[in-house]
Structures are given as C-alpha cells and as structure tokens.
N, C-alpha and C. Protein backbone atom coordinates (compact mmCIF):
# COMPACT_ATOMS: atom_id res chain seq x y z
N UNK A 1 -62.07 23.72 79.91
CA UNK A 1 -60.92 23.42 79.13
C UNK A 1 -61.11 24.42 77.86
N UNK A 2 -60.04 24.94 77.42
CA UNK A 2 -60.09 25.84 76.40
C UNK A 2 -59.35 25.26 75.04
N UNK A 3 -59.92 25.66 74.00
CA UNK A 3 -59.38 25.13 72.66
C UNK A 3 -58.13 25.91 72.38
N UNK A 4 -56.97 25.28 71.84
CA UNK A 4 -55.85 25.86 71.51
C UNK A 4 -55.86 27.06 70.64
N UNK A 5 -56.95 27.20 69.66
CA UNK A 5 -57.05 28.23 68.76
C UNK A 5 -58.14 29.17 69.31
N UNK A 6 -58.62 29.15 70.49
CA UNK A 6 -59.58 30.03 71.02
C UNK A 6 -60.84 29.33 71.38
N UNK A 7 -61.79 30.04 72.00
CA UNK A 7 -63.09 29.54 72.39
C UNK A 7 -64.05 29.23 71.24
N UNK A 8 -63.85 29.91 70.17
CA UNK A 8 -64.87 29.69 69.11
C UNK A 8 -64.43 28.58 68.20
N UNK A 9 -63.25 27.97 68.40
CA UNK A 9 -62.73 26.91 67.58
C UNK A 9 -63.57 25.64 67.91
N UNK A 10 -64.11 25.44 69.14
CA UNK A 10 -64.67 24.22 69.54
C UNK A 10 -65.90 23.93 68.73
N UNK A 11 -66.47 24.93 68.17
CA UNK A 11 -67.74 24.71 67.48
C UNK A 11 -67.55 24.46 66.08
N UNK A 12 -66.36 24.84 65.61
CA UNK A 12 -66.26 24.59 64.20
C UNK A 12 -65.70 23.21 63.90
N UNK A 13 -66.02 22.62 62.74
CA UNK A 13 -65.50 21.38 62.26
C UNK A 13 -63.98 21.51 61.73
N UNK A 14 -63.31 20.47 61.81
CA UNK A 14 -61.91 20.64 61.34
C UNK A 14 -61.83 20.79 59.89
N UNK A 15 -60.90 21.57 59.32
CA UNK A 15 -60.86 21.65 57.76
C UNK A 15 -59.78 20.77 57.34
N UNK A 16 -60.14 20.06 56.24
CA UNK A 16 -59.15 19.06 55.64
C UNK A 16 -58.94 19.58 54.31
N UNK A 17 -57.67 19.31 53.75
CA UNK A 17 -57.36 19.79 52.37
C UNK A 17 -58.32 19.04 51.27
N UNK A 18 -58.65 19.62 50.30
CA UNK A 18 -59.54 19.10 49.32
C UNK A 18 -58.88 19.34 47.87
N UNK A 19 -59.32 18.61 46.95
CA UNK A 19 -58.88 18.69 45.56
C UNK A 19 -57.39 18.10 45.50
N UNK A 20 -56.57 18.79 44.69
CA UNK A 20 -55.13 18.39 44.44
C UNK A 20 -54.30 18.47 45.78
N UNK A 21 -54.70 19.44 46.67
CA UNK A 21 -54.02 19.63 47.80
C UNK A 21 -54.10 18.46 48.82
N UNK A 22 -55.17 17.76 48.64
CA UNK A 22 -55.38 16.49 49.43
C UNK A 22 -54.27 15.43 49.09
N UNK A 23 -54.02 15.31 47.88
CA UNK A 23 -52.86 14.31 47.55
C UNK A 23 -51.58 14.89 47.29
N UNK A 24 -51.34 16.08 47.03
CA UNK A 24 -50.14 16.59 46.75
C UNK A 24 -49.97 17.76 47.66
N UNK A 25 -49.72 17.46 48.90
CA UNK A 25 -49.39 18.48 49.93
C UNK A 25 -48.00 18.83 49.96
N UNK A 26 -47.59 19.68 50.90
CA UNK A 26 -46.19 20.15 51.00
C UNK A 26 -45.11 19.03 51.01
N UNK A 27 -45.58 17.96 51.70
CA UNK A 27 -44.58 16.83 51.82
C UNK A 27 -44.28 16.24 50.43
N UNK A 28 -45.20 16.16 49.60
CA UNK A 28 -45.05 15.46 48.33
C UNK A 28 -43.98 16.33 47.52
N UNK A 29 -44.20 17.60 47.49
CA UNK A 29 -43.36 18.49 46.80
C UNK A 29 -41.90 18.56 47.28
N UNK A 30 -41.72 18.28 48.55
CA UNK A 30 -40.41 18.38 49.04
C UNK A 30 -39.63 16.99 48.63
N UNK A 31 -40.42 15.85 48.71
CA UNK A 31 -39.76 14.58 48.28
C UNK A 31 -39.40 14.77 46.75
N UNK A 32 -40.39 15.35 45.94
CA UNK A 32 -40.06 15.45 44.50
C UNK A 32 -38.75 16.30 44.27
N UNK A 33 -38.59 17.44 45.11
CA UNK A 33 -37.33 18.19 44.92
C UNK A 33 -36.11 17.44 45.32
N UNK A 34 -36.11 16.67 46.33
CA UNK A 34 -35.01 15.74 46.81
C UNK A 34 -34.67 14.80 45.69
N UNK A 35 -35.65 14.15 45.04
CA UNK A 35 -35.41 13.23 44.11
C UNK A 35 -34.73 13.88 42.71
N UNK A 36 -35.18 15.10 42.48
CA UNK A 36 -34.51 15.81 41.27
C UNK A 36 -33.01 16.04 41.59
N UNK A 37 -32.68 16.34 42.81
CA UNK A 37 -31.21 16.54 43.24
C UNK A 37 -30.49 15.20 43.04
N UNK A 38 -31.10 14.07 43.39
CA UNK A 38 -30.37 12.82 43.27
C UNK A 38 -30.15 12.39 41.90
N UNK A 39 -31.13 12.74 41.02
CA UNK A 39 -30.92 12.50 39.59
C UNK A 39 -29.89 13.41 38.94
N UNK A 40 -29.92 14.60 39.41
CA UNK A 40 -28.94 15.53 38.88
C UNK A 40 -27.48 15.15 39.16
N UNK A 41 -27.21 14.61 40.45
CA UNK A 41 -26.04 14.11 40.90
C UNK A 41 -25.53 12.93 40.11
N UNK A 42 -26.43 12.05 40.07
CA UNK A 42 -26.32 10.79 39.22
C UNK A 42 -25.81 11.06 37.77
N UNK A 43 -26.56 11.95 37.26
CA UNK A 43 -26.24 12.40 35.73
C UNK A 43 -24.85 13.00 35.71
N UNK A 44 -24.52 13.80 36.69
CA UNK A 44 -23.32 14.48 36.65
C UNK A 44 -22.13 13.49 36.74
N UNK A 45 -22.33 12.52 37.68
CA UNK A 45 -21.26 11.41 37.86
C UNK A 45 -21.17 10.67 36.56
N UNK A 46 -22.21 10.36 35.96
CA UNK A 46 -22.15 9.54 34.64
C UNK A 46 -21.35 10.25 33.57
N UNK A 47 -21.65 11.61 33.54
CA UNK A 47 -21.04 12.38 32.48
C UNK A 47 -19.54 12.55 32.75
N UNK A 48 -19.15 12.61 34.01
CA UNK A 48 -17.68 12.78 34.42
C UNK A 48 -16.98 11.44 34.07
N UNK A 49 -17.55 10.33 34.34
CA UNK A 49 -17.06 9.12 34.03
C UNK A 49 -16.87 8.93 32.54
N UNK A 50 -17.82 9.43 31.62
CA UNK A 50 -17.72 9.22 30.26
C UNK A 50 -16.53 10.20 29.82
N UNK A 51 -16.44 11.30 30.34
CA UNK A 51 -15.41 12.25 29.92
C UNK A 51 -14.00 11.86 30.39
N UNK A 52 -13.88 11.16 31.35
CA UNK A 52 -12.56 10.45 31.87
C UNK A 52 -12.21 9.34 30.73
N UNK A 53 -13.25 8.63 30.52
CA UNK A 53 -13.01 7.48 29.60
C UNK A 53 -12.70 7.90 28.16
N UNK A 54 -13.24 8.88 27.75
CA UNK A 54 -12.78 9.51 26.43
C UNK A 54 -11.47 10.21 26.46
N UNK A 55 -11.01 10.71 27.46
CA UNK A 55 -9.79 11.28 27.65
C UNK A 55 -8.61 10.11 27.55
N UNK A 56 -8.94 9.02 28.35
CA UNK A 56 -7.99 7.97 28.37
C UNK A 56 -7.89 7.28 26.84
N UNK A 57 -9.02 7.20 26.24
CA UNK A 57 -9.06 6.53 24.91
C UNK A 57 -8.25 7.45 23.82
N UNK A 58 -8.46 8.70 23.79
CA UNK A 58 -7.79 9.50 22.90
C UNK A 58 -6.34 9.88 23.34
N UNK A 59 -6.09 10.01 24.46
CA UNK A 59 -4.69 10.35 24.97
C UNK A 59 -3.94 9.32 25.40
N UNK A 60 -4.50 8.15 25.70
CA UNK A 60 -3.65 6.98 26.02
C UNK A 60 -3.20 6.97 27.49
N UNK A 61 -2.82 5.97 27.93
CA UNK A 61 -2.32 5.86 29.37
C UNK A 61 -1.38 4.80 29.63
N UNK A 62 -0.23 4.98 30.23
CA UNK A 62 0.55 3.82 30.49
C UNK A 62 -0.03 2.79 31.34
N UNK A 63 -1.09 3.15 32.14
CA UNK A 63 -1.75 2.28 32.99
C UNK A 63 -2.59 1.43 32.25
N UNK A 64 -3.01 1.69 31.14
CA UNK A 64 -4.14 0.96 30.49
C UNK A 64 -3.58 0.38 29.18
N UNK A 65 -2.24 0.31 28.89
CA UNK A 65 -1.76 -0.31 27.66
C UNK A 65 -1.60 0.82 26.62
N UNK A 66 -1.60 0.47 25.30
CA UNK A 66 -1.29 1.40 24.26
C UNK A 66 -2.61 2.19 23.99
N UNK A 67 -2.39 3.30 23.38
CA UNK A 67 -3.57 4.17 23.08
C UNK A 67 -4.29 3.70 21.77
N UNK A 68 -5.55 4.12 21.74
CA UNK A 68 -6.50 3.80 20.68
C UNK A 68 -6.62 2.36 20.39
N UNK A 69 -6.47 1.48 21.33
CA UNK A 69 -6.71 0.01 21.24
C UNK A 69 -5.69 -0.67 20.32
N UNK A 70 -4.65 -0.08 19.99
CA UNK A 70 -3.73 -0.83 19.08
C UNK A 70 -2.91 -1.84 19.97
N UNK A 71 -2.58 -2.98 19.43
CA UNK A 71 -1.74 -3.97 20.12
C UNK A 71 -0.45 -3.81 19.61
N UNK A 72 0.42 -3.67 20.60
CA UNK A 72 1.95 -3.55 20.32
C UNK A 72 2.53 -4.86 19.96
N UNK A 73 3.23 -4.90 18.81
CA UNK A 73 3.86 -6.06 18.33
C UNK A 73 5.18 -6.13 19.02
N UNK A 74 5.57 -7.30 19.44
CA UNK A 74 6.92 -7.51 20.03
C UNK A 74 8.01 -7.25 18.92
N UNK A 75 9.12 -6.66 19.39
CA UNK A 75 10.18 -6.46 18.47
C UNK A 75 11.31 -7.41 18.79
N UNK A 76 11.94 -7.94 17.70
CA UNK A 76 13.01 -9.01 17.79
C UNK A 76 14.19 -8.38 17.14
N UNK A 77 15.38 -8.56 17.85
CA UNK A 77 16.59 -8.00 17.40
C UNK A 77 17.16 -9.26 16.44
N UNK A 78 17.68 -8.83 15.36
CA UNK A 78 18.31 -9.85 14.61
C UNK A 78 19.54 -10.61 15.22
N UNK A 79 19.63 -11.82 15.00
CA UNK A 79 20.76 -12.53 15.59
C UNK A 79 21.96 -12.11 15.00
N UNK A 80 23.01 -12.27 15.78
CA UNK A 80 24.40 -12.07 15.15
C UNK A 80 25.26 -13.16 15.52
N UNK A 81 26.29 -13.35 14.65
CA UNK A 81 27.13 -14.48 14.92
C UNK A 81 28.35 -14.01 15.83
N UNK A 82 28.51 -12.73 15.96
CA UNK A 82 29.58 -12.09 16.79
C UNK A 82 29.14 -12.11 18.36
N UNK A 83 30.07 -12.09 19.22
CA UNK A 83 29.73 -12.05 20.59
C UNK A 83 29.19 -10.62 20.92
N UNK A 84 28.28 -10.61 21.85
CA UNK A 84 27.78 -9.25 22.29
C UNK A 84 28.22 -8.98 23.70
N UNK A 85 28.51 -7.77 24.04
CA UNK A 85 28.90 -7.40 25.24
C UNK A 85 27.79 -6.44 25.94
N UNK A 86 27.73 -6.68 27.18
CA UNK A 86 26.85 -5.85 28.08
C UNK A 86 27.51 -5.02 29.02
N UNK A 87 27.14 -3.69 29.19
CA UNK A 87 27.88 -2.86 30.18
C UNK A 87 27.23 -3.14 31.53
N UNK A 88 28.08 -3.25 32.51
CA UNK A 88 27.63 -3.25 33.87
C UNK A 88 28.58 -2.72 34.78
N UNK A 89 28.31 -2.32 35.89
CA UNK A 89 29.29 -1.72 36.88
C UNK A 89 30.23 -2.79 37.23
N UNK A 90 31.50 -2.51 37.16
CA UNK A 90 32.50 -3.39 37.64
C UNK A 90 33.08 -3.94 36.39
N UNK A 91 33.68 -5.27 36.34
CA UNK A 91 34.38 -5.78 35.27
C UNK A 91 33.38 -6.03 34.05
N UNK A 92 33.96 -5.95 32.91
CA UNK A 92 33.28 -6.10 31.68
C UNK A 92 32.84 -7.66 31.58
N UNK A 93 31.54 -7.80 31.27
CA UNK A 93 31.19 -9.18 30.91
C UNK A 93 30.87 -9.46 29.47
N UNK A 94 31.30 -10.59 28.93
CA UNK A 94 31.03 -10.95 27.54
C UNK A 94 30.10 -12.14 27.52
N UNK A 95 29.03 -11.89 26.68
CA UNK A 95 27.93 -12.88 26.53
C UNK A 95 28.00 -13.33 25.10
N UNK A 96 28.24 -14.58 24.75
CA UNK A 96 28.22 -15.08 23.48
C UNK A 96 26.87 -15.56 23.17
N UNK A 97 26.41 -15.22 21.90
CA UNK A 97 25.23 -15.79 21.42
C UNK A 97 25.42 -16.86 20.29
N UNK A 98 25.20 -18.03 20.67
CA UNK A 98 25.51 -19.13 19.77
C UNK A 98 24.09 -19.65 19.37
N UNK A 99 24.04 -19.99 18.02
CA UNK A 99 22.80 -20.55 17.54
C UNK A 99 22.70 -22.00 17.85
N UNK A 100 21.70 -22.55 18.32
CA UNK A 100 21.60 -23.86 18.50
C UNK A 100 21.69 -24.75 17.14
N UNK A 101 22.26 -25.80 17.11
CA UNK A 101 22.58 -26.55 15.72
C UNK A 101 21.13 -26.95 15.34
N UNK A 102 21.02 -26.80 14.09
CA UNK A 102 19.77 -27.30 13.40
C UNK A 102 20.00 -28.81 13.14
N UNK A 103 18.86 -29.49 13.49
CA UNK A 103 18.86 -30.92 13.25
C UNK A 103 19.35 -31.34 11.95
N UNK A 104 20.13 -32.45 11.91
CA UNK A 104 20.63 -32.86 10.62
C UNK A 104 19.46 -33.63 9.95
N UNK A 105 18.87 -33.18 8.82
CA UNK A 105 18.07 -33.87 8.04
C UNK A 105 18.64 -34.61 6.97
N UNK A 106 18.31 -35.86 6.63
CA UNK A 106 19.06 -36.60 5.65
C UNK A 106 17.97 -37.34 4.62
N UNK A 107 16.66 -37.00 4.84
CA UNK A 107 15.70 -37.67 3.79
C UNK A 107 14.91 -36.45 3.40
N UNK A 108 14.44 -36.62 2.04
CA UNK A 108 13.58 -35.70 1.39
C UNK A 108 12.69 -36.51 0.27
N UNK A 109 11.49 -35.86 -0.01
CA UNK A 109 10.67 -36.59 -1.01
C UNK A 109 9.75 -35.47 -1.58
N UNK A 110 9.28 -35.64 -2.83
CA UNK A 110 8.18 -34.81 -3.21
C UNK A 110 6.93 -35.10 -2.49
N UNK A 111 6.22 -34.07 -2.16
CA UNK A 111 5.02 -34.23 -1.33
C UNK A 111 3.77 -34.01 -2.19
N UNK A 112 3.77 -33.64 -3.66
CA UNK A 112 2.73 -33.52 -4.38
C UNK A 112 2.99 -34.26 -5.81
N UNK A 113 1.99 -34.36 -6.58
CA UNK A 113 2.20 -35.03 -7.88
C UNK A 113 2.96 -34.04 -8.81
N UNK A 114 2.87 -32.82 -8.51
CA UNK A 114 3.44 -31.96 -9.58
C UNK A 114 4.88 -31.56 -9.20
N UNK A 115 5.36 -32.13 -8.18
CA UNK A 115 6.78 -31.95 -7.64
C UNK A 115 7.65 -33.06 -8.26
N UNK A 116 8.62 -32.70 -9.02
CA UNK A 116 9.56 -33.85 -9.40
C UNK A 116 10.57 -34.15 -8.34
N UNK A 117 11.15 -35.32 -8.61
CA UNK A 117 12.27 -35.73 -7.62
C UNK A 117 13.51 -34.98 -7.78
N UNK A 118 13.80 -34.39 -8.98
CA UNK A 118 14.93 -33.58 -9.29
C UNK A 118 14.80 -32.29 -8.52
N UNK A 119 13.60 -31.69 -8.57
CA UNK A 119 13.37 -30.34 -7.89
C UNK A 119 13.28 -30.60 -6.41
N UNK A 120 12.81 -31.73 -5.86
CA UNK A 120 12.78 -31.85 -4.48
C UNK A 120 14.28 -32.06 -4.03
N UNK A 121 15.23 -32.57 -4.78
CA UNK A 121 16.59 -32.67 -4.41
C UNK A 121 17.27 -31.25 -4.36
N UNK A 122 16.80 -30.36 -5.28
CA UNK A 122 17.51 -29.06 -5.28
C UNK A 122 16.89 -28.24 -4.11
N UNK A 123 15.60 -28.38 -3.77
CA UNK A 123 15.01 -27.80 -2.72
C UNK A 123 15.75 -28.24 -1.24
N UNK A 124 15.96 -29.62 -1.18
CA UNK A 124 16.60 -30.13 -0.10
C UNK A 124 17.96 -29.43 0.22
N UNK A 125 18.74 -29.58 -0.95
CA UNK A 125 20.07 -28.95 -0.94
C UNK A 125 20.06 -27.49 -0.53
N UNK A 126 19.20 -26.72 -0.99
CA UNK A 126 19.04 -25.31 -0.69
C UNK A 126 18.56 -25.09 0.85
N UNK A 127 17.65 -25.97 1.27
CA UNK A 127 17.33 -25.95 2.65
C UNK A 127 18.40 -26.12 3.53
N UNK A 128 19.12 -27.17 3.28
CA UNK A 128 20.31 -27.51 4.16
C UNK A 128 21.26 -26.55 4.24
N UNK A 129 21.63 -25.71 3.15
CA UNK A 129 22.53 -24.64 3.29
C UNK A 129 22.03 -23.42 4.13
N UNK A 130 20.76 -23.08 3.81
CA UNK A 130 20.20 -21.85 4.44
C UNK A 130 19.94 -22.28 5.82
N UNK A 131 19.29 -23.31 6.22
CA UNK A 131 18.96 -23.57 7.61
C UNK A 131 20.22 -23.82 8.43
N UNK A 132 21.15 -24.38 8.00
CA UNK A 132 22.52 -24.39 8.81
C UNK A 132 23.13 -23.09 9.05
N UNK A 133 23.09 -22.25 7.95
CA UNK A 133 23.73 -20.90 8.08
C UNK A 133 22.89 -20.00 9.16
N UNK A 134 21.57 -20.00 9.04
CA UNK A 134 20.75 -19.21 9.79
C UNK A 134 20.39 -19.84 11.20
N UNK A 135 20.62 -21.14 11.28
CA UNK A 135 20.35 -21.74 12.56
C UNK A 135 18.86 -22.01 12.87
N UNK A 136 18.01 -22.14 11.78
CA UNK A 136 16.60 -22.29 12.07
C UNK A 136 16.03 -22.94 10.85
N UNK A 137 14.86 -23.49 11.04
CA UNK A 137 14.25 -24.22 9.89
C UNK A 137 13.13 -23.42 9.32
N UNK A 138 12.64 -22.45 9.76
CA UNK A 138 11.76 -21.58 8.96
C UNK A 138 12.39 -20.59 8.19
N UNK A 139 12.62 -21.02 6.94
CA UNK A 139 13.45 -20.19 5.99
C UNK A 139 12.87 -20.17 4.64
N UNK A 140 13.30 -19.26 3.84
CA UNK A 140 12.91 -19.06 2.44
C UNK A 140 14.10 -19.43 1.66
N UNK A 141 13.83 -20.22 0.60
CA UNK A 141 14.96 -20.63 -0.20
C UNK A 141 14.59 -20.48 -1.70
N UNK A 142 15.59 -20.44 -2.59
CA UNK A 142 15.33 -20.49 -4.00
C UNK A 142 15.93 -21.69 -4.62
N UNK A 143 15.19 -22.43 -5.35
CA UNK A 143 15.72 -23.70 -5.83
C UNK A 143 15.41 -23.67 -7.45
N UNK A 144 16.34 -24.39 -8.09
CA UNK A 144 16.20 -24.47 -9.58
C UNK A 144 15.61 -25.74 -9.94
N UNK A 145 14.62 -25.79 -10.91
CA UNK A 145 14.03 -27.08 -11.37
C UNK A 145 14.56 -27.42 -12.65
N UNK A 146 15.38 -28.55 -12.81
CA UNK A 146 15.85 -29.10 -13.95
C UNK A 146 14.73 -29.51 -14.91
N UNK A 147 13.68 -29.69 -14.49
CA UNK A 147 12.59 -30.02 -15.42
C UNK A 147 12.00 -28.92 -16.09
N UNK A 148 11.77 -27.79 -15.43
CA UNK A 148 11.11 -26.63 -16.10
C UNK A 148 12.27 -25.63 -16.54
N UNK A 149 13.41 -25.67 -16.02
CA UNK A 149 14.51 -24.64 -16.28
C UNK A 149 14.33 -23.45 -15.64
N UNK A 150 13.50 -23.28 -14.58
CA UNK A 150 13.26 -22.03 -13.78
C UNK A 150 13.67 -22.25 -12.36
N UNK A 151 13.81 -20.99 -11.68
CA UNK A 151 14.04 -21.10 -10.28
C UNK A 151 12.74 -20.67 -9.62
N UNK A 152 12.56 -21.20 -8.46
CA UNK A 152 11.30 -21.04 -7.68
C UNK A 152 11.57 -20.64 -6.20
N UNK A 153 10.79 -19.73 -5.74
CA UNK A 153 10.86 -19.47 -4.20
C UNK A 153 10.22 -20.47 -3.45
N UNK A 154 10.79 -20.95 -2.36
CA UNK A 154 10.01 -21.89 -1.50
C UNK A 154 10.21 -21.43 -0.16
N UNK A 155 8.99 -21.72 0.70
CA UNK A 155 9.13 -21.30 2.08
C UNK A 155 8.93 -22.55 2.80
N UNK A 156 9.89 -22.71 3.72
CA UNK A 156 10.11 -23.94 4.65
C UNK A 156 9.85 -23.66 5.98
N UNK A 157 9.30 -24.70 6.73
CA UNK A 157 9.19 -24.66 8.21
C UNK A 157 8.81 -26.03 8.71
N UNK A 158 8.99 -26.08 9.98
CA UNK A 158 8.79 -27.32 10.68
C UNK A 158 9.77 -27.63 11.63
N UNK A 159 9.57 -28.92 12.31
CA UNK A 159 10.58 -29.27 13.43
C UNK A 159 11.15 -30.63 12.99
N UNK A 160 10.51 -31.64 13.39
CA UNK A 160 10.95 -33.08 13.08
C UNK A 160 10.71 -33.32 11.56
N UNK A 161 9.65 -32.82 10.97
CA UNK A 161 9.41 -32.91 9.59
C UNK A 161 9.26 -31.46 9.11
N UNK A 162 10.00 -31.05 8.07
CA UNK A 162 9.92 -29.72 7.51
C UNK A 162 9.23 -29.89 6.24
N UNK A 163 8.42 -28.99 5.95
CA UNK A 163 7.69 -28.94 4.65
C UNK A 163 8.11 -27.63 3.95
N UNK A 164 8.48 -27.74 2.67
CA UNK A 164 8.81 -26.66 1.89
C UNK A 164 7.77 -26.46 0.80
N UNK A 165 7.11 -25.33 0.61
CA UNK A 165 6.13 -25.18 -0.40
C UNK A 165 6.26 -23.84 -1.17
N UNK A 166 5.78 -23.80 -2.39
CA UNK A 166 5.89 -22.70 -3.21
C UNK A 166 5.87 -23.05 -4.73
N UNK A 167 6.62 -22.17 -5.53
CA UNK A 167 6.52 -22.53 -6.95
C UNK A 167 5.06 -22.56 -7.52
N UNK A 168 5.01 -23.60 -8.37
CA UNK A 168 3.71 -23.90 -8.95
C UNK A 168 2.93 -25.14 -8.24
N UNK A 169 2.54 -24.82 -7.05
CA UNK A 169 2.04 -25.92 -6.19
C UNK A 169 2.94 -26.96 -5.75
N UNK A 170 4.15 -26.68 -5.63
CA UNK A 170 5.25 -27.68 -5.36
C UNK A 170 5.26 -27.79 -3.89
N UNK A 171 5.56 -28.95 -3.48
CA UNK A 171 5.75 -29.22 -1.87
C UNK A 171 6.71 -30.30 -1.71
N UNK A 172 7.66 -30.05 -0.75
CA UNK A 172 8.78 -31.07 -0.54
C UNK A 172 8.79 -31.36 0.96
N UNK A 173 8.87 -32.53 1.25
CA UNK A 173 8.76 -33.02 2.63
C UNK A 173 10.28 -33.36 2.99
N UNK A 174 10.83 -32.77 4.17
CA UNK A 174 12.14 -33.16 4.53
C UNK A 174 12.12 -33.64 6.04
N UNK A 175 12.93 -34.76 6.20
CA UNK A 175 13.00 -35.39 7.65
C UNK A 175 14.22 -36.06 7.85
C-alpha cells in the first residue's frame, strides 16, 4: 500500500500545529469574521431605528398623535341661543340648541365665619341671574357687600349643592 503523499511520508511523523496556530487556526478566524458582520448589521439596524424615531419626534406624524409630545386640548364652541343650521344634501335641516334648565335653588347660607348673611344674599341673587341666563352652575359673579361697601368677584360651581367662593375668604353655600 502506498501513502497518499508518496512513499517517504510513511516514515515521517504527522505534523501538528504548534503555538498560537494550535488554538487559533483558520476556522477560528473565519468565525470571528462572521461575528463582526453580524455586529455590524445589528448596529446599522439600531442606528436606522433611532433615526426614524428622531424624524417622527421632530416632524410629527398623524399616526402617532401630535408632534413634540404636546397634548391637544379639546376646543369647545360657545353656546348660542339662536338655532343653528347644518347643511346637508337634500332639504335643509334646522337643529335648535336649547340649554337645559338650571335647577331652581331656593336656599343659601354663609359657609365661613367671615361671610355675612347680607353678602350671602347678594351672592345668591347674582348666582341665580347668571346661572339662569347661561344655563349652567359653574359661573363667575360679582356681588356687592353691604357690610364692607365693596363688590367682590365670586366663582361658583357644583350640582345639587353649589359653592361660591372668592372675595376675602368668603364662601356661600347654595342648595
């Protein structure tokens, strides 16, 4: 039988890699090369995702809400006492906007020690006028104090019980 590398190869001992070549042969360097490509691709994907995120942040997108993280406040149209019309194909339709009646409040009382009965009566009277006219209970009124001789701005709000506060720590309970 003959040796694949010739007759003289039978007598020689096989040669094995020594030193760094024994541990870091060609297969090691090929794996390292493939790993570098994977890291490069992963880095490029992350950079592309960051760029897209920055573009959306700075230029906004209808798909992601308002731009720059601002919250859009709802807008409310002021109510009108006149009927409103809406255009539609075909015959004209008229929609009336009526304000629901404000509950009829008949009682009031000062709600702090610094609020006089006379001032509470003036606040109650002003509240009744404004709330009926505007059709709501969260209103601001101006009331005259017979005790001090000055007028004070009062802010009112509530449902079954309405509290009006303002002036010099004045508070009036209306129910």
